[in-house]
Amino acid sequence: MSWFSLWWVWIVAGFALGVLEVLAPGYIFLGFALGAVATGFLVGIGVLGATLPATLLVFALASLAAWLVTRKLLGSQASKAKIWDRDINDN
């Protein structure tokens, strides 16, 4: 049995990416974490076959979908530089 066909490996990888997201804020790893957990769930219930390309494709698509949903729900980063078009001293 290969590592990519074990459901718990995907779940642990998802939680590890979630911890990495907490350490590096900015919603960079959140999509990958949710994609790994979703892939682990699908492998666990037996929906995915035991081929590496199919599993990686599902992981990539689930990660992309999770990133798009979180981007839509959470919006863009609030830490971006603000551009001011007027001075506070101008009245």
N, C-alpha and C. Protein backbone atom coordinates (compact mmCIF):
# COMPACT_ATOMS: atom_id res chain seq x y z
N MET A 1 0.85 -1.17 0.00
CA MET A 1 0.00 0.00 0.00
C MET A 1 0.90 1.24 0.00
N SER A 2 0.61 2.17 -0.88
CA SER A 2 1.42 3.38 -1.04
C SER A 2 0.95 4.47 -0.08
N TRP A 3 1.80 5.45 0.13
CA TRP A 3 1.49 6.52 1.06
C TRP A 3 0.31 7.35 0.61
N PHE A 4 0.13 7.51 -0.71
CA PHE A 4 -0.94 8.36 -1.20
C PHE A 4 -2.31 7.69 -1.14
N SER A 5 -2.35 6.40 -0.88
CA SER A 5 -3.64 5.72 -0.77
C SER A 5 -4.06 5.51 0.69
N LEU A 6 -3.33 6.11 1.63
CA LEU A 6 -3.69 6.05 3.04
C LEU A 6 -4.40 7.34 3.42
N TRP A 7 -5.61 7.21 3.92
CA TRP A 7 -6.43 8.38 4.21
C TRP A 7 -5.82 9.24 5.31
N TRP A 8 -5.22 8.60 6.31
CA TRP A 8 -4.71 9.36 7.45
C TRP A 8 -3.50 10.21 7.08
N VAL A 9 -2.77 9.81 6.05
CA VAL A 9 -1.62 10.61 5.61
C VAL A 9 -2.11 11.96 5.07
N TRP A 10 -3.19 11.94 4.32
CA TRP A 10 -3.75 13.17 3.77
C TRP A 10 -4.32 14.06 4.87
N ILE A 11 -4.97 13.45 5.86
CA ILE A 11 -5.54 14.22 6.97
C ILE A 11 -4.42 14.88 7.79
N VAL A 12 -3.38 14.11 8.09
CA VAL A 12 -2.25 14.66 8.84
C VAL A 12 -1.57 15.78 8.04
N ALA A 13 -1.42 15.59 6.75
CA ALA A 13 -0.82 16.63 5.91
C ALA A 13 -1.70 17.89 5.91
N GLY A 14 -3.02 17.70 5.89
CA GLY A 14 -3.93 18.84 5.95
C GLY A 14 -3.81 19.60 7.25
N PHE A 15 -3.72 18.88 8.37
CA PHE A 15 -3.56 19.55 9.66
C PHE A 15 -2.19 20.23 9.77
N ALA A 16 -1.17 19.62 9.21
CA ALA A 16 0.16 20.23 9.22
C ALA A 16 0.15 21.53 8.39
N LEU A 17 -0.53 21.51 7.26
CA LEU A 17 -0.64 22.73 6.46
C LEU A 17 -1.49 23.77 7.18
N GLY A 18 -2.47 23.34 7.96
CA GLY A 18 -3.26 24.27 8.76
C GLY A 18 -2.42 24.94 9.83
N VAL A 19 -1.53 24.19 10.45
CA VAL A 19 -0.62 24.78 11.44
C VAL A 19 0.33 25.75 10.75
N LEU A 20 0.79 25.38 9.59
CA LEU A 20 1.67 26.27 8.83
C LEU A 20 0.94 27.55 8.44
N GLU A 21 -0.35 27.46 8.17
CA GLU A 21 -1.15 28.65 7.86
C GLU A 21 -1.24 29.59 9.06
N VAL A 22 -1.33 29.03 10.25
CA VAL A 22 -1.37 29.86 11.45
C VAL A 22 -0.05 30.57 11.65
N LEU A 23 1.04 29.90 11.34
CA LEU A 23 2.36 30.50 11.51
C LEU A 23 2.70 31.51 10.41
N ALA A 24 2.14 31.34 9.23
CA ALA A 24 2.38 32.25 8.11
C ALA A 24 1.04 32.79 7.63
N PRO A 25 0.52 33.82 8.27
CA PRO A 25 -0.82 34.29 7.91
C PRO A 25 -0.89 34.85 6.50
N GLY A 26 -2.08 34.93 5.99
CA GLY A 26 -2.28 35.46 4.66
C GLY A 26 -3.08 34.53 3.78
N TYR A 27 -3.63 33.49 4.34
CA TYR A 27 -4.45 32.51 3.62
C TYR A 27 -3.69 31.86 2.48
N ILE A 28 -2.41 31.62 2.68
CA ILE A 28 -1.59 31.00 1.64
C ILE A 28 -1.78 29.49 1.63
N PHE A 29 -1.73 28.87 2.79
CA PHE A 29 -1.79 27.41 2.89
C PHE A 29 -3.17 26.88 3.22
N LEU A 30 -4.15 27.74 3.41
CA LEU A 30 -5.48 27.30 3.82
C LEU A 30 -6.16 26.47 2.74
N GLY A 31 -6.04 26.85 1.49
CA GLY A 31 -6.62 26.08 0.40
C GLY A 31 -5.99 24.70 0.28
N PHE A 32 -4.67 24.65 0.44
CA PHE A 32 -3.98 23.36 0.39
C PHE A 32 -4.38 22.47 1.56
N ALA A 33 -4.55 23.07 2.74
CA ALA A 33 -4.95 22.30 3.91
C ALA A 33 -6.34 21.71 3.73
N LEU A 34 -7.27 22.52 3.27
CA LEU A 34 -8.63 22.02 3.05
C LEU A 34 -8.67 21.00 1.92
N GLY A 35 -7.85 21.20 0.89
CA GLY A 35 -7.78 20.22 -0.20
C GLY A 35 -7.22 18.89 0.26
N ALA A 36 -6.22 18.92 1.14
CA ALA A 36 -5.65 17.68 1.66
C ALA A 36 -6.64 16.93 2.55
N VAL A 37 -7.38 17.68 3.38
CA VAL A 37 -8.38 17.02 4.23
C VAL A 37 -9.51 16.44 3.37
N ALA A 38 -9.93 17.16 2.35
CA ALA A 38 -10.97 16.64 1.45
C ALA A 38 -10.49 15.40 0.70
N THR A 39 -9.24 15.41 0.26
CA THR A 39 -8.68 14.24 -0.41
C THR A 39 -8.58 13.07 0.55
N GLY A 40 -8.18 13.31 1.78
CA GLY A 40 -8.13 12.26 2.79
C GLY A 40 -9.51 11.67 3.06
N PHE A 41 -10.52 12.53 3.09
CA PHE A 41 -11.88 12.05 3.28
C PHE A 41 -12.32 11.16 2.12
N LEU A 42 -12.03 11.60 0.89
CA LEU A 42 -12.43 10.82 -0.29
C LEU A 42 -11.67 9.50 -0.37
N VAL A 43 -10.40 9.51 0.00
CA VAL A 43 -9.63 8.26 0.02
C VAL A 43 -10.17 7.35 1.11
N GLY A 44 -10.54 7.94 2.24
CA GLY A 44 -11.04 7.14 3.37
C GLY A 44 -12.36 6.44 3.09
N ILE A 45 -13.25 7.10 2.36
CA ILE A 45 -14.54 6.46 2.07
C ILE A 45 -14.47 5.59 0.82
N GLY A 46 -13.33 5.59 0.15
CA GLY A 46 -13.13 4.68 -0.97
C GLY A 46 -13.56 5.21 -2.32
N VAL A 47 -13.75 6.51 -2.45
CA VAL A 47 -14.16 7.08 -3.73
C VAL A 47 -13.00 7.11 -4.72
N LEU A 48 -11.81 7.43 -4.22
CA LEU A 48 -10.65 7.52 -5.10
C LEU A 48 -9.99 6.17 -5.28
N GLY A 49 -9.45 5.97 -6.48
CA GLY A 49 -8.68 4.77 -6.74
C GLY A 49 -7.29 4.88 -6.14
N ALA A 50 -6.47 3.91 -6.41
CA ALA A 50 -5.15 3.87 -5.80
C ALA A 50 -4.06 4.37 -6.75
N THR A 51 -4.43 5.22 -7.71
CA THR A 51 -3.42 5.74 -8.63
C THR A 51 -2.97 7.12 -8.19
N LEU A 52 -1.70 7.36 -8.26
CA LEU A 52 -1.13 8.64 -7.84
C LEU A 52 -1.63 9.81 -8.69
N PRO A 53 -1.66 9.70 -10.03
CA PRO A 53 -2.13 10.85 -10.81
C PRO A 53 -3.57 11.26 -10.49
N ALA A 54 -4.45 10.29 -10.29
CA ALA A 54 -5.84 10.62 -9.97
C ALA A 54 -5.95 11.28 -8.60
N THR A 55 -5.20 10.78 -7.65
CA THR A 55 -5.23 11.35 -6.30
C THR A 55 -4.68 12.77 -6.30
N LEU A 56 -3.59 12.99 -7.00
CA LEU A 56 -3.01 14.34 -7.07
C LEU A 56 -3.92 15.30 -7.83
N LEU A 57 -4.62 14.80 -8.84
CA LEU A 57 -5.56 15.65 -9.57
C LEU A 57 -6.71 16.08 -8.66
N VAL A 58 -7.24 15.14 -7.89
CA VAL A 58 -8.31 15.49 -6.95
C VAL A 58 -7.81 16.46 -5.90
N PHE A 59 -6.60 16.25 -5.40
CA PHE A 59 -6.01 17.17 -4.43
C PHE A 59 -5.87 18.58 -5.02
N ALA A 60 -5.39 18.66 -6.25
CA ALA A 60 -5.20 19.96 -6.89
C ALA A 60 -6.54 20.66 -7.11
N LEU A 61 -7.53 19.93 -7.58
CA LEU A 61 -8.84 20.54 -7.83
C LEU A 61 -9.54 20.93 -6.53
N ALA A 62 -9.42 20.09 -5.51
CA ALA A 62 -10.02 20.42 -4.21
C ALA A 62 -9.32 21.62 -3.58
N SER A 63 -8.02 21.71 -3.73
CA SER A 63 -7.27 22.85 -3.18
C SER A 63 -7.65 24.14 -3.91
N LEU A 64 -7.78 24.07 -5.22
CA LEU A 64 -8.17 25.24 -5.99
C LEU A 64 -9.57 25.69 -5.61
N ALA A 65 -10.49 24.76 -5.51
CA ALA A 65 -11.86 25.10 -5.13
C ALA A 65 -11.91 25.70 -3.72
N ALA A 66 -11.16 25.11 -2.79
CA ALA A 66 -11.13 25.64 -1.43
C ALA A 66 -10.51 27.02 -1.39
N TRP A 67 -9.47 27.26 -2.17
CA TRP A 67 -8.85 28.58 -2.21
C TRP A 67 -9.81 29.61 -2.78
N LEU A 68 -10.53 29.25 -3.85
CA LEU A 68 -11.48 30.19 -4.44
C LEU A 68 -12.62 30.51 -3.48
N VAL A 69 -13.10 29.51 -2.76
CA VAL A 69 -14.19 29.74 -1.80
C VAL A 69 -13.70 30.61 -0.64
N THR A 70 -12.54 30.31 -0.10
CA THR A 70 -12.03 31.11 1.01
C THR A 70 -11.70 32.53 0.55
N ARG A 71 -11.23 32.68 -0.65
CA ARG A 71 -10.95 34.02 -1.19
C ARG A 71 -12.23 34.82 -1.33
N LYS A 72 -13.30 34.15 -1.76
CA LYS A 72 -14.60 34.81 -1.92
C LYS A 72 -15.18 35.17 -0.55
N LEU A 73 -15.08 34.25 0.42
CA LEU A 73 -15.66 34.49 1.74
C LEU A 73 -14.85 35.48 2.57
N LEU A 74 -13.54 35.39 2.51
CA LEU A 74 -12.69 36.21 3.36
C LEU A 74 -12.21 37.48 2.68
N GLY A 75 -12.34 37.57 1.38
CA GLY A 75 -11.92 38.77 0.66
C GLY A 75 -10.41 38.84 0.51
N SER A 76 -9.97 39.96 0.01
CA SER A 76 -8.53 40.15 -0.16
C SER A 76 -7.91 40.52 1.18
N GLN A 77 -6.62 40.50 1.22
CA GLN A 77 -5.90 40.76 2.47
C GLN A 77 -6.11 42.19 2.93
N ALA A 78 -6.35 42.34 4.22
CA ALA A 78 -6.53 43.67 4.79
C ALA A 78 -5.19 44.35 5.06
N SER A 79 -4.11 43.61 4.95
CA SER A 79 -2.80 44.17 5.26
C SER A 79 -2.13 44.83 4.06
N LYS A 80 -2.84 44.97 2.97
CA LYS A 80 -2.26 45.63 1.80
C LYS A 80 -2.04 47.11 2.10
N ALA A 81 -1.09 47.68 1.43
CA ALA A 81 -0.79 49.10 1.62
C ALA A 81 -1.96 49.94 1.10
N LYS A 82 -2.33 50.94 1.88
CA LYS A 82 -3.43 51.82 1.49
C LYS A 82 -2.86 52.99 0.71
N ILE A 83 -3.58 53.38 -0.30
CA ILE A 83 -3.18 54.52 -1.13
C ILE A 83 -4.13 55.66 -0.81
N TRP A 84 -3.56 56.77 -0.36
CA TRP A 84 -4.37 57.93 0.00
C TRP A 84 -4.37 58.90 -1.17
N ASP A 85 -5.52 59.46 -1.46
CA ASP A 85 -5.59 60.41 -2.57
C ASP A 85 -5.75 61.85 -2.08
N ARG A 86 -5.86 62.05 -0.75
CA ARG A 86 -5.88 63.41 -0.23
C ARG A 86 -5.13 63.44 1.10
N ASP A 87 -4.65 64.59 1.42
CA ASP A 87 -3.90 64.79 2.66
C ASP A 87 -4.87 65.19 3.77
N ILE A 88 -4.60 64.74 4.97
CA ILE A 88 -5.46 65.05 6.11
C ILE A 88 -5.40 66.54 6.45
N ASN A 89 -4.33 67.21 6.08
CA ASN A 89 -4.18 68.62 6.39
C ASN A 89 -4.83 69.53 5.35
N ASP A 90 -5.26 68.98 4.23
CA ASP A 90 -5.92 69.79 3.22
C ASP A 90 -7.40 69.93 3.56
N ASN A 91 -7.85 71.17 3.70
CA ASN A 91 -9.27 71.42 4.00
C ASN A 91 -9.90 72.27 2.96
